[in-house]
Amino acid sequence: ISLNEISDFRFCLSATPFNNRKNDLMLQAMFI
């Protein structure tokens, strides 16, 4: 997640991001 400090934009690729717990989605959204 802290890599967002050294990049302009972030993209998450996954076929199943929304089948996980809400907390897992939160962590991916924090990365973006």
PDB file of all heavy atoms in Angstrom:
ATOM      1  N   ILE A   1       0.832  -1.211   0.000  1.00  0.00           N
ATOM      2  CA  ILE A   1       0.000   0.000   0.000  1.00  0.00           C
ATOM      3  C   ILE A   1       0.859   1.250   0.000  1.00  0.00           C
ATOM      4  O   ILE A   1       0.558   2.244  -0.672  1.00  0.00           O
ATOM      5  CB  ILE A   1      -0.957  -0.010   1.205  1.00  0.00           C
ATOM      6  CG1 ILE A   1      -2.024  -1.098   1.034  1.00  0.00           C
ATOM      7  CG2 ILE A   1      -1.629   1.358   1.387  1.00  0.00           C
ATOM      8  CD1 ILE A   1      -2.912  -1.279   2.253  1.00  0.00           C
ATOM      9  N   SER A   2       1.975   1.224   0.713  1.00  0.00           N
ATOM     10  CA  SER A   2       2.830   2.411   0.810  1.00  0.00           C
ATOM     11  C   SER A   2       3.498   2.771  -0.510  1.00  0.00           C
ATOM     12  O   SER A   2       4.033   3.873  -0.657  1.00  0.00           O
ATOM     13  CB  SER A   2       3.892   2.208   1.900  1.00  0.00           C
ATOM     14  OG  SER A   2       4.864   1.257   1.506  1.00  0.00           O
ATOM     15  N   LEU A   3       3.467   1.869  -1.495  1.00  0.00           N
ATOM     16  CA  LEU A   3       4.030   2.183  -2.803  1.00  0.00           C
ATOM     17  C   LEU A   3       3.263   3.304  -3.498  1.00  0.00           C
ATOM     18  O   LEU A   3       3.764   3.891  -4.457  1.00  0.00           O
ATOM     19  CB  LEU A   3       4.052   0.934  -3.696  1.00  0.00           C
ATOM     20  CG  LEU A   3       5.023  -0.176  -3.279  1.00  0.00           C
ATOM     21  CD1 LEU A   3       4.807  -1.413  -4.125  1.00  0.00           C
ATOM     22  CD2 LEU A   3       6.475   0.300  -3.388  1.00  0.00           C
ATOM     23  N   ASN A   4       2.048   3.602  -3.022  1.00  0.00           N
ATOM     24  CA  ASN A   4       1.321   4.706  -3.653  1.00  0.00           C
ATOM     25  C   ASN A   4       2.020   6.046  -3.425  1.00  0.00           C
ATOM     26  O   ASN A   4       1.721   7.027  -4.101  1.00  0.00           O
ATOM     27  CB  ASN A   4      -0.143   4.747  -3.197  1.00  0.00           C
ATOM     28  CG  ASN A   4      -0.321   4.884  -1.696  1.00  0.00           C
ATOM     29  OD1 ASN A   4       0.570   5.360  -0.982  1.00  0.00           O
ATOM     30  ND2 ASN A   4      -1.474   4.458  -1.202  1.00  0.00           N
ATOM     31  N   GLU A   5       2.984   6.063  -2.513  1.00  0.00           N
ATOM     32  CA  GLU A   5       3.738   7.288  -2.256  1.00  0.00           C
ATOM     33  C   GLU A   5       4.769   7.581  -3.350  1.00  0.00           C
ATOM     34  O   GLU A   5       5.247   8.703  -3.468  1.00  0.00           O
ATOM     35  CB  GLU A   5       4.442   7.193  -0.904  1.00  0.00           C
ATOM     36  CG  GLU A   5       3.479   7.018   0.277  1.00  0.00           C
ATOM     37  CD  GLU A   5       4.210   6.736   1.571  1.00  0.00           C
ATOM     38  OE1 GLU A   5       5.462   6.676   1.542  1.00  0.00           O
ATOM     39  OE2 GLU A   5       3.548   6.570   2.614  1.00  0.00           O
ATOM     40  N   ILE A   6       5.123   6.565  -4.138  1.00  0.00           N
ATOM     41  CA  ILE A   6       6.153   6.751  -5.172  1.00  0.00           C
ATOM     42  C   ILE A   6       5.587   6.523  -6.577  1.00  0.00           C
ATOM     43  O   ILE A   6       6.318   6.181  -7.503  1.00  0.00           O
ATOM     44  CB  ILE A   6       7.369   5.833  -4.936  1.00  0.00           C
ATOM     45  CG1 ILE A   6       6.940   4.366  -4.878  1.00  0.00           C
ATOM     46  CG2 ILE A   6       8.108   6.232  -3.657  1.00  0.00           C
ATOM     47  CD1 ILE A   6       8.127   3.402  -4.901  1.00  0.00           C
ATOM     48  N   SER A   7       4.277   6.700  -6.727  1.00  0.00           N
ATOM     49  CA  SER A   7       3.651   6.532  -8.036  1.00  0.00           C
ATOM     50  C   SER A   7       2.522   7.530  -8.200  1.00  0.00           C
ATOM     51  O   SER A   7       1.932   7.990  -7.223  1.00  0.00           O
ATOM     52  CB  SER A   7       3.107   5.100  -8.184  1.00  0.00           C
ATOM     53  OG  SER A   7       2.181   4.817  -7.139  1.00  0.00           O
ATOM     54  N   ASP A   8       2.225   7.847  -9.455  1.00  0.00           N
ATOM     55  CA  ASP A   8       1.137   8.784  -9.734  1.00  0.00           C
ATOM     56  C   ASP A   8      -0.223   8.098  -9.742  1.00  0.00           C
ATOM     57  O   ASP A   8      -1.206   8.650  -9.260  1.00  0.00           O
ATOM     58  CB  ASP A   8       1.379   9.465 -11.085  1.00  0.00           C
ATOM     59  CG  ASP A   8       2.576  10.408 -11.052  1.00  0.00           C
ATOM     60  OD1 ASP A   8       3.083  10.702  -9.948  1.00  0.00           O
ATOM     61  OD2 ASP A   8       3.010  10.837 -12.144  1.00  0.00           O
ATOM     62  N   PHE A   9      -0.266   6.867 -10.317  1.00  0.00           N
ATOM     63  CA  PHE A   9      -1.526   6.151 -10.440  1.00  0.00           C
ATOM     64  C   PHE A   9      -1.313   4.674 -10.139  1.00  0.00           C
ATOM     65  O   PHE A   9      -0.237   4.137 -10.373  1.00  0.00           O
ATOM     66  CB  PHE A   9      -2.113   6.313 -11.852  1.00  0.00           C
ATOM     67  CG  PHE A   9      -2.365   7.749 -12.232  1.00  0.00           C
ATOM     68  CD1 PHE A   9      -1.482   8.417 -13.068  1.00  0.00           C
ATOM     69  CD2 PHE A   9      -3.464   8.423 -11.734  1.00  0.00           C
ATOM     70  CE1 PHE A   9      -1.695   9.745 -13.416  1.00  0.00           C
ATOM     71  CE2 PHE A   9      -3.692   9.760 -12.074  1.00  0.00           C
ATOM     72  CZ  PHE A   9      -2.808  10.416 -12.915  1.00  0.00           C
ATOM     73  N   ARG A  10      -2.389   4.026  -9.636  1.00  0.00           N
ATOM     74  CA  ARG A  10      -2.329   2.610  -9.292  1.00  0.00           C
ATOM     75  C   ARG A  10      -3.539   1.881  -9.866  1.00  0.00           C
ATOM     76  O   ARG A  10      -4.650   2.415  -9.874  1.00  0.00           O
ATOM     77  CB  ARG A  10      -2.325   2.405  -7.767  1.00  0.00           C
ATOM     78  CG  ARG A  10      -0.991   2.587  -7.090  1.00  0.00           C
ATOM     79  CD  ARG A  10      -0.572   4.017  -6.937  1.00  0.00           C
ATOM     80  NE  ARG A  10      -1.549   4.820  -6.213  1.00  0.00           N
ATOM     81  CZ  ARG A  10      -1.469   6.140  -6.100  1.00  0.00           C
ATOM     82  NH1 ARG A  10      -0.479   6.816  -6.682  1.00  0.00           N
ATOM     83  NH2 ARG A  10      -2.386   6.824  -5.436  1.00  0.00           N
ATOM     84  N   PHE A  11      -3.308   0.655 -10.322  1.00  0.00           N
ATOM     85  CA  PHE A  11      -4.380  -0.153 -10.904  1.00  0.00           C
ATOM     86  C   PHE A  11      -4.345  -1.559 -10.311  1.00  0.00           C
ATOM     87  O   PHE A  11      -3.272  -2.152 -10.174  1.00  0.00           O
ATOM     88  CB  PHE A  11      -4.240  -0.228 -12.428  1.00  0.00           C
ATOM     89  CG  PHE A  11      -4.447   1.094 -13.110  1.00  0.00           C
ATOM     90  CD1 PHE A  11      -3.386   1.969 -13.293  1.00  0.00           C
ATOM     91  CD2 PHE A  11      -5.712   1.477 -13.533  1.00  0.00           C
ATOM     92  CE1 PHE A  11      -3.572   3.198 -13.902  1.00  0.00           C
ATOM     93  CE2 PHE A  11      -5.909   2.716 -14.139  1.00  0.00           C
ATOM     94  CZ  PHE A  11      -4.841   3.577 -14.326  1.00  0.00           C
ATOM     95  N   CYS A  12      -5.515  -2.072  -9.964  1.00  0.00           N
ATOM     96  CA  CYS A  12      -5.656  -3.418  -9.410  1.00  0.00           C
ATOM     97  C   CYS A  12      -6.350  -4.317 -10.430  1.00  0.00           C
ATOM     98  O   CYS A  12      -7.446  -3.996 -10.899  1.00  0.00           O
ATOM     99  CB  CYS A  12      -6.481  -3.385  -8.126  1.00  0.00           C
ATOM    100  SG  CYS A  12      -5.625  -2.665  -6.710  1.00  0.00           S
ATOM    101  N   LEU A  13      -5.723  -5.429 -10.766  1.00  0.00           N
ATOM    102  CA  LEU A  13      -6.302  -6.405 -11.683  1.00  0.00           C
ATOM    103  C   LEU A  13      -6.661  -7.660 -10.911  1.00  0.00           C
ATOM    104  O   LEU A  13      -5.803  -8.248 -10.241  1.00  0.00           O
ATOM    105  CB  LEU A  13      -5.314  -6.770 -12.797  1.00  0.00           C
ATOM    106  CG  LEU A  13      -5.246  -5.860 -14.026  1.00  0.00           C
ATOM    107  CD1 LEU A  13      -4.876  -4.435 -13.636  1.00  0.00           C
ATOM    108  CD2 LEU A  13      -4.265  -6.420 -15.046  1.00  0.00           C
ATOM    109  N   SER A  14      -7.915  -8.054 -10.991  1.00  0.00           N
ATOM    110  CA  SER A  14      -8.355  -9.280 -10.330  1.00  0.00           C
ATOM    111  C   SER A  14      -9.702  -9.688 -10.883  1.00  0.00           C
ATOM    112  O   SER A  14     -10.559  -8.835 -11.117  1.00  0.00           O
ATOM    113  CB  SER A  14      -8.445  -9.084  -8.816  1.00  0.00           C
ATOM    114  OG  SER A  14      -8.956 -10.245  -8.194  1.00  0.00           O
ATOM    115  N   ALA A  15      -9.895 -10.991 -11.073  1.00  0.00           N
ATOM    116  CA  ALA A  15     -11.195 -11.486 -11.516  1.00  0.00           C
ATOM    117  C   ALA A  15     -12.170 -11.601 -10.353  1.00  0.00           C
ATOM    118  O   ALA A  15     -13.377 -11.706 -10.565  1.00  0.00           O
ATOM    119  CB  ALA A  15     -11.042 -12.845 -12.199  1.00  0.00           C
ATOM    120  N   THR A  16     -11.645 -11.562  -9.126  1.00  0.00           N
ATOM    121  CA  THR A  16     -12.522 -11.801  -7.963  1.00  0.00           C
ATOM    122  C   THR A  16     -12.336 -10.787  -6.841  1.00  0.00           C
ATOM    123  O   THR A  16     -12.305 -11.157  -5.673  1.00  0.00           O
ATOM    124  CB  THR A  16     -12.266 -13.210  -7.396  1.00  0.00           C
ATOM    125  OG1 THR A  16     -10.875 -13.318  -7.029  1.00  0.00           O
ATOM    126  CG2 THR A  16     -12.629 -14.286  -8.388  1.00  0.00           C
ATOM    127  N   PRO A  17     -12.217  -9.501  -7.126  1.00  0.00           N
ATOM    128  CA  PRO A  17     -11.982  -8.561  -6.026  1.00  0.00           C
ATOM    129  C   PRO A  17     -13.206  -8.351  -5.150  1.00  0.00           C
ATOM    130  O   PRO A  17     -13.091  -7.985  -3.990  1.00  0.00           O
ATOM    131  CB  PRO A  17     -11.609  -7.263  -6.739  1.00  0.00           C
ATOM    132  CG  PRO A  17     -12.348  -7.339  -8.024  1.00  0.00           C
ATOM    133  CD  PRO A  17     -12.296  -8.795  -8.414  1.00  0.00           C
ATOM    134  N   PHE A  18     -14.389  -8.570  -5.707  1.00  0.00           N
ATOM    135  CA  PHE A  18     -15.612  -8.255  -4.979  1.00  0.00           C
ATOM    136  C   PHE A  18     -16.230  -9.476  -4.298  1.00  0.00           C
ATOM    137  O   PHE A  18     -17.309  -9.403  -3.759  1.00  0.00           O
ATOM    138  CB  PHE A  18     -16.636  -7.615  -5.920  1.00  0.00           C
ATOM    139  CG  PHE A  18     -16.098  -6.410  -6.631  1.00  0.00           C
ATOM    140  CD1 PHE A  18     -16.212  -6.302  -7.995  1.00  0.00           C
ATOM    141  CD2 PHE A  18     -15.446  -5.408  -5.936  1.00  0.00           C
ATOM    142  CE1 PHE A  18     -15.707  -5.194  -8.655  1.00  0.00           C
ATOM    143  CE2 PHE A  18     -14.943  -4.301  -6.586  1.00  0.00           C
ATOM    144  CZ  PHE A  18     -15.072  -4.190  -7.952  1.00  0.00           C
ATOM    145  N   ASN A  19     -15.529 -10.604  -4.351  1.00  0.00           N
ATOM    146  CA  ASN A  19     -16.024 -11.794  -3.667  1.00  0.00           C
ATOM    147  C   ASN A  19     -15.395 -11.935  -2.288  1.00  0.00           C
ATOM    148  O   ASN A  19     -15.633 -12.913  -1.592  1.00  0.00           O
ATOM    149  CB  ASN A  19     -15.720 -13.043  -4.501  1.00  0.00           C
ATOM    150  CG  ASN A  19     -16.502 -13.050  -5.803  1.00  0.00           C
ATOM    151  OD1 ASN A  19     -17.556 -12.452  -5.887  1.00  0.00           O
ATOM    152  ND2 ASN A  19     -15.977 -13.721  -6.808  1.00  0.00           N
ATOM    153  N   ASN A  20     -14.564 -10.982  -1.947  1.00  0.00           N
ATOM    154  CA  ASN A  20     -13.841 -11.055  -0.679  1.00  0.00           C
ATOM    155  C   ASN A  20     -14.557 -10.261   0.411  1.00  0.00           C
ATOM    156  O   ASN A  20     -15.587  -9.639   0.184  1.00  0.00           O
ATOM    157  CB  ASN A  20     -12.416 -10.516  -0.868  1.00  0.00           C
ATOM    158  CG  ASN A  20     -11.672 -11.275  -1.951  1.00  0.00           C
ATOM    159  OD1 ASN A  20     -11.782 -12.476  -2.064  1.00  0.00           O
ATOM    160  ND2 ASN A  20     -10.916 -10.543  -2.747  1.00  0.00           N
ATOM    161  N   ARG A  21     -13.964 -10.285   1.588  1.00  0.00           N
ATOM    162  CA  ARG A  21     -14.507  -9.487   2.688  1.00  0.00           C
ATOM    163  C   ARG A  21     -14.358  -8.004   2.389  1.00  0.00           C
ATOM    164  O   ARG A  21     -13.498  -7.591   1.639  1.00  0.00           O
ATOM    165  CB  ARG A  21     -13.756  -9.832   3.975  1.00  0.00           C
ATOM    166  CG  ARG A  21     -13.874 -11.271   4.423  1.00  0.00           C
ATOM    167  CD  ARG A  21     -12.938 -11.528   5.581  1.00  0.00           C
ATOM    168  NE  ARG A  21     -11.548 -11.246   5.216  1.00  0.00           N
ATOM    169  CZ  ARG A  21     -10.540 -11.194   6.091  1.00  0.00           C
ATOM    170  NH1 ARG A  21     -10.782 -11.372   7.369  1.00  0.00           N
ATOM    171  NH2 ARG A  21      -9.315 -10.950   5.679  1.00  0.00           N
ATOM    172  N   LYS A  22     -15.205  -7.214   3.027  1.00  0.00           N
ATOM    173  CA  LYS A  22     -15.147  -5.769   2.811  1.00  0.00           C
ATOM    174  C   LYS A  22     -13.784  -5.218   3.185  1.00  0.00           C
ATOM    175  O   LYS A  22     -13.271  -4.309   2.520  1.00  0.00           O
ATOM    176  CB  LYS A  22     -16.249  -5.062   3.601  1.00  0.00           C
ATOM    177  CG  LYS A  22     -16.364  -3.587   3.272  1.00  0.00           C
ATOM    178  CD  LYS A  22     -17.656  -2.974   3.792  1.00  0.00           C
ATOM    179  CE  LYS A  22     -17.640  -2.800   5.290  1.00  0.00           C
ATOM    180  NZ  LYS A  22     -18.786  -1.969   5.767  1.00  0.00           N
ATOM    181  N   ASN A  23     -13.160  -5.774   4.206  1.00  0.00           N
ATOM    182  CA  ASN A  23     -11.835  -5.305   4.616  1.00  0.00           C
ATOM    183  C   ASN A  23     -10.792  -5.540   3.533  1.00  0.00           C
ATOM    184  O   ASN A  23      -9.856  -4.746   3.378  1.00  0.00           O
ATOM    185  CB  ASN A  23     -11.402  -5.972   5.915  1.00  0.00           C
ATOM    186  CG  ASN A  23     -12.030  -5.322   7.136  1.00  0.00           C
ATOM    187  OD1 ASN A  23     -12.624  -4.263   7.043  1.00  0.00           O
ATOM    188  ND2 ASN A  23     -11.897  -5.976   8.280  1.00  0.00           N
ATOM    189  N   ASP A  24     -10.938  -6.640   2.792  1.00  0.00           N
ATOM    190  CA  ASP A  24     -10.000  -6.902   1.699  1.00  0.00           C
ATOM    191  C   ASP A  24     -10.157  -5.874   0.588  1.00  0.00           C
ATOM    192  O   ASP A  24      -9.178  -5.412   0.000  1.00  0.00           O
ATOM    193  CB  ASP A  24     -10.200  -8.316   1.147  1.00  0.00           C
ATOM    194  CG  ASP A  24      -9.822  -9.394   2.150  1.00  0.00           C
ATOM    195  OD1 ASP A  24      -9.082  -9.072   3.110  1.00  0.00           O
ATOM    196  OD2 ASP A  24     -10.241 -10.544   1.975  1.00  0.00           O
ATOM    197  N   LEU A  25     -11.399  -5.519   0.289  1.00  0.00           N
ATOM    198  CA  LEU A  25     -11.648  -4.470  -0.702  1.00  0.00           C
ATOM    199  C   LEU A  25     -11.077  -3.142  -0.232  1.00  0.00           C
ATOM    200  O   LEU A  25     -10.510  -2.381  -1.016  1.00  0.00           O
ATOM    201  CB  LEU A  25     -13.147  -4.330  -0.949  1.00  0.00           C
ATOM    202  CG  LEU A  25     -13.860  -5.531  -1.570  1.00  0.00           C
ATOM    203  CD1 LEU A  25     -15.348  -5.229  -1.711  1.00  0.00           C
ATOM    204  CD2 LEU A  25     -13.267  -5.868  -2.919  1.00  0.00           C
ATOM    205  N   MET A  26     -11.219  -2.874   1.060  1.00  0.00           N
ATOM    206  CA  MET A  26     -10.704  -1.636   1.628  1.00  0.00           C
ATOM    207  C   MET A  26      -9.203  -1.529   1.405  1.00  0.00           C
ATOM    208  O   MET A  26      -8.688  -0.471   1.011  1.00  0.00           O
ATOM    209  CB  MET A  26     -11.004  -1.569   3.124  1.00  0.00           C
ATOM    210  CG  MET A  26     -10.414  -0.348   3.827  1.00  0.00           C
ATOM    211  SD  MET A  26     -10.573  -0.436   5.626  1.00  0.00           S
ATOM    212  CE  MET A  26      -9.358  -1.727   6.005  1.00  0.00           C
ATOM    213  N   LEU A  27      -8.480  -2.621   1.619  1.00  0.00           N
ATOM    214  CA  LEU A  27      -7.025  -2.587   1.477  1.00  0.00           C
ATOM    215  C   LEU A  27      -6.618  -2.325   0.037  1.00  0.00           C
ATOM    216  O   LEU A  27      -5.667  -1.575  -0.225  1.00  0.00           O
ATOM    217  CB  LEU A  27      -6.430  -3.894   1.987  1.00  0.00           C
ATOM    218  CG  LEU A  27      -6.602  -4.147   3.497  1.00  0.00           C
ATOM    219  CD1 LEU A  27      -6.184  -5.560   3.859  1.00  0.00           C
ATOM    220  CD2 LEU A  27      -5.813  -3.129   4.309  1.00  0.00           C
ATOM    221  N   GLN A  28      -7.327  -2.904  -0.913  1.00  0.00           N
ATOM    222  CA  GLN A  28      -7.028  -2.633  -2.320  1.00  0.00           C
ATOM    223  C   GLN A  28      -7.352  -1.185  -2.675  1.00  0.00           C
ATOM    224  O   GLN A  28      -6.605  -0.533  -3.416  1.00  0.00           O
ATOM    225  CB  GLN A  28      -7.817  -3.594  -3.217  1.00  0.00           C
ATOM    226  CG  GLN A  28      -7.386  -5.042  -3.063  1.00  0.00           C
ATOM    227  CD  GLN A  28      -8.256  -5.989  -3.845  1.00  0.00           C
ATOM    228  OE1 GLN A  28      -8.178  -6.040  -5.069  1.00  0.00           O
ATOM    229  NE2 GLN A  28      -9.100  -6.745  -3.144  1.00  0.00           N
ATOM    230  N   ALA A  29      -8.456  -0.676  -2.138  1.00  0.00           N
ATOM    231  CA  ALA A  29      -8.824   0.715  -2.392  1.00  0.00           C
ATOM    232  C   ALA A  29      -7.817   1.674  -1.763  1.00  0.00           C
ATOM    233  O   ALA A  29      -7.524   2.742  -2.320  1.00  0.00           O
ATOM    234  CB  ALA A  29     -10.232   0.990  -1.857  1.00  0.00           C
ATOM    235  N   MET A  30      -7.271   1.306  -0.622  1.00  0.00           N
ATOM    236  CA  MET A  30      -6.242   2.130   0.012  1.00  0.00           C
ATOM    237  C   MET A  30      -4.994   2.171  -0.850  1.00  0.00           C
ATOM    238  O   MET A  30      -4.314   3.203  -0.942  1.00  0.00           O
ATOM    239  CB  MET A  30      -5.933   1.591   1.404  1.00  0.00           C
ATOM    240  CG  MET A  30      -7.051   1.822   2.418  1.00  0.00           C
ATOM    241  SD  MET A  30      -6.738   1.037   4.021  1.00  0.00           S
ATOM    242  CE  MET A  30      -5.297   1.977   4.571  1.00  0.00           C
ATOM    243  N   PHE A  31      -4.672   1.056  -1.511  1.00  0.00           N
ATOM    244  CA  PHE A  31      -3.522   1.039  -2.421  1.00  0.00           C
ATOM    245  C   PHE A  31      -3.758   1.980  -3.594  1.00  0.00           C
ATOM    246  O   PHE A  31      -2.881   2.768  -3.966  1.00  0.00           O
ATOM    247  CB  PHE A  31      -3.273  -0.380  -2.924  1.00  0.00           C
ATOM    248  CG  PHE A  31      -2.318  -0.440  -4.087  1.00  0.00           C
ATOM    249  CD1 PHE A  31      -0.963  -0.226  -3.901  1.00  0.00           C
ATOM    250  CD2 PHE A  31      -2.785  -0.698  -5.368  1.00  0.00           C
ATOM    251  CE1 PHE A  31      -0.088  -0.259  -4.977  1.00  0.00           C
ATOM    252  CE2 PHE A  31      -1.920  -0.741  -6.444  1.00  0.00           C
ATOM    253  CZ  PHE A  31      -0.565  -0.526  -6.246  1.00  0.00           C
ATOM    254  N   ILE A  32      -4.942   1.942  -4.190  1.00  0.00           N
ATOM    255  CA  ILE A  32      -5.238   2.835  -5.312  1.00  0.00           C
ATOM    256  C   ILE A  32      -5.164   4.297  -4.874  1.00  0.00           C
ATOM    257  O   ILE A  32      -4.590   5.132  -5.565  1.00  0.00           O
ATOM    258  CB  ILE A  32      -6.620   2.499  -5.907  1.00  0.00           C
ATOM    259  CG1 ILE A  32      -6.576   1.113  -6.565  1.00  0.00           C
ATOM    260  CG2 ILE A  32      -7.045   3.564  -6.924  1.00  0.00           C
ATOM    261  CD1 ILE A  32      -7.917   0.606  -7.031  1.00  0.00           C
TER     262      ILE A  32
END
